[in-house]
């Protein structure tokens, strides 16, 4: 199943770079000079390390 970056919620498990990440927080920005909103996603790796990802709000993620 796929969700766009803006549809992700806390606790969703996503696949990225061959790793499974658990979403901890999402934040949407205002529309920028490229004409699209950006979404900042903070996710946790399996070893407990946090990772910040910035993608356009319509970027598709694979859910697990």
C-alpha atoms as a PDB file:
ATOM      1  CA  UNK A   1       0.000   0.000   0.000  1.00  0.00           C
ATOM      2  CA  UNK A   2       1.214   3.519  -0.736  1.00  0.00           C
ATOM      3  CA  UNK A   3       0.591   6.845   0.970  1.00  0.00           C
ATOM      4  CA  UNK A   4       1.798  10.295   0.028  1.00  0.00           C
ATOM      5  CA  UNK A   5       4.127  12.133   2.417  1.00  0.00           C
ATOM      6  CA  UNK A   6       1.335  14.425   3.667  1.00  0.00           C
ATOM      7  CA  UNK A   7      -0.900  11.403   4.526  1.00  0.00           C
ATOM      8  CA  UNK A   8       1.649   9.746   6.826  1.00  0.00           C
ATOM      9  CA  UNK A   9       0.746   9.538  10.512  1.00  0.00           C
ATOM     10  CA  UNK A  10       2.699   8.806  13.686  1.00  0.00           C
ATOM     11  CA  UNK A  11       3.327   5.058  13.977  1.00  0.00           C
ATOM     12  CA  UNK A  12       3.194   4.296  10.221  1.00  0.00           C
ATOM     13  CA  UNK A  13       5.939   1.947   9.058  1.00  0.00           C
ATOM     14  CA  UNK A  14       7.585   2.970   5.776  1.00  0.00           C
ATOM     15  CA  UNK A  15      10.192   1.330   3.550  1.00  0.00           C
ATOM     16  CA  UNK A  16      13.066   3.566   2.414  1.00  0.00           C
ATOM     17  CA  UNK A  17      16.556   2.667   1.248  1.00  0.00           C
ATOM     18  CA  UNK A  18      16.046  -0.998   2.105  1.00  0.00           C
ATOM     19  CA  UNK A  19      15.261  -0.106   5.729  1.00  0.00           C
ATOM     20  CA  UNK A  20      12.032  -0.144   7.704  1.00  0.00           C
ATOM     21  CA  UNK A  21      11.387   3.173   9.449  1.00  0.00           C
ATOM     22  CA  UNK A  22       8.685   4.124  11.961  1.00  0.00           C
ATOM     23  CA  UNK A  23       7.232   7.629  11.549  1.00  0.00           C
ATOM     24  CA  UNK A  24       7.454   9.700  14.747  1.00  0.00           C
ATOM     25  CA  UNK A  25       6.416  13.141  13.507  1.00  0.00           C
ATOM     26  CA  UNK A  26       5.392  14.990  10.325  1.00  0.00           C
ATOM     27  CA  UNK A  27       5.326  18.696   9.544  1.00  0.00           C
ATOM     28  CA  UNK A  28       4.033  20.477   6.415  1.00  0.00           C
ATOM     29  CA  UNK A  29       5.598  23.726   5.203  1.00  0.00           C
ATOM     30  CA  UNK A  30       4.037  26.539   3.226  1.00  0.00           C
ATOM     31  CA  UNK A  31       4.125  26.492  -0.571  1.00  0.00           C
ATOM     32  CA  UNK A  32       7.647  27.478  -1.655  1.00  0.00           C
ATOM     33  CA  UNK A  33       9.160  28.929  -4.797  1.00  0.00           C
ATOM     34  CA  UNK A  34       8.837  25.563  -6.606  1.00  0.00           C
ATOM     35  CA  UNK A  35       5.063  25.747  -6.080  1.00  0.00           C
ATOM     36  CA  UNK A  36       4.650  22.666  -3.852  1.00  0.00           C
ATOM     37  CA  UNK A  37       4.440  22.054  -0.115  1.00  0.00           C
ATOM     38  CA  UNK A  38       7.329  20.247   1.537  1.00  0.00           C
ATOM     39  CA  UNK A  39       6.836  17.608   4.211  1.00  0.00           C
ATOM     40  CA  UNK A  40       9.413  17.033   6.952  1.00  0.00           C
ATOM     41  CA  UNK A  41       9.232  13.520   8.369  1.00  0.00           C
ATOM     42  CA  UNK A  42      11.081  12.375  11.481  1.00  0.00           C
ATOM     43  CA  UNK A  43      11.381   8.587  11.512  1.00  0.00           C
ATOM     44  CA  UNK A  44      13.168   6.093  13.750  1.00  0.00           C
ATOM     45  CA  UNK A  45      15.401   3.292  12.480  1.00  0.00           C
ATOM     46  CA  UNK A  46      15.387  -0.180  14.049  1.00  0.00           C
ATOM     47  CA  UNK A  47      18.530   0.683  16.057  1.00  0.00           C
ATOM     48  CA  UNK A  48      16.760   3.691  17.653  1.00  0.00           C
ATOM     49  CA  UNK A  49      18.481   6.368  15.561  1.00  0.00           C
ATOM     50  CA  UNK A  50      16.235   9.229  14.364  1.00  0.00           C
ATOM     51  CA  UNK A  51      16.289  10.324  10.740  1.00  0.00           C
ATOM     52  CA  UNK A  52      14.826  13.520   9.235  1.00  0.00           C
ATOM     53  CA  UNK A  53      13.485  13.240   5.664  1.00  0.00           C
ATOM     54  CA  UNK A  54      12.265  16.193   3.550  1.00  0.00           C
ATOM     55  CA  UNK A  55      10.144  15.372   0.498  1.00  0.00           C
ATOM     56  CA  UNK A  56       7.425  17.081  -1.575  1.00  0.00           C
ATOM     57  CA  UNK A  57       3.987  16.527  -0.003  1.00  0.00           C
ATOM     58  CA  UNK A  58       2.862  14.334  -2.930  1.00  0.00           C
ATOM     59  CA  UNK A  59       5.915  11.999  -2.744  1.00  0.00           C
ATOM     60  CA  UNK A  60       4.753   8.346  -2.514  1.00  0.00           C
ATOM     61  CA  UNK A  61       5.971   6.074   0.315  1.00  0.00           C
ATOM     62  CA  UNK A  62       5.511   2.287   0.549  1.00  0.00           C
ATOM     63  CA  UNK A  63       3.827   1.233   3.789  1.00  0.00           C
ATOM     64  CA  UNK A  64       4.588  -2.045   5.488  1.00  0.00           C
END
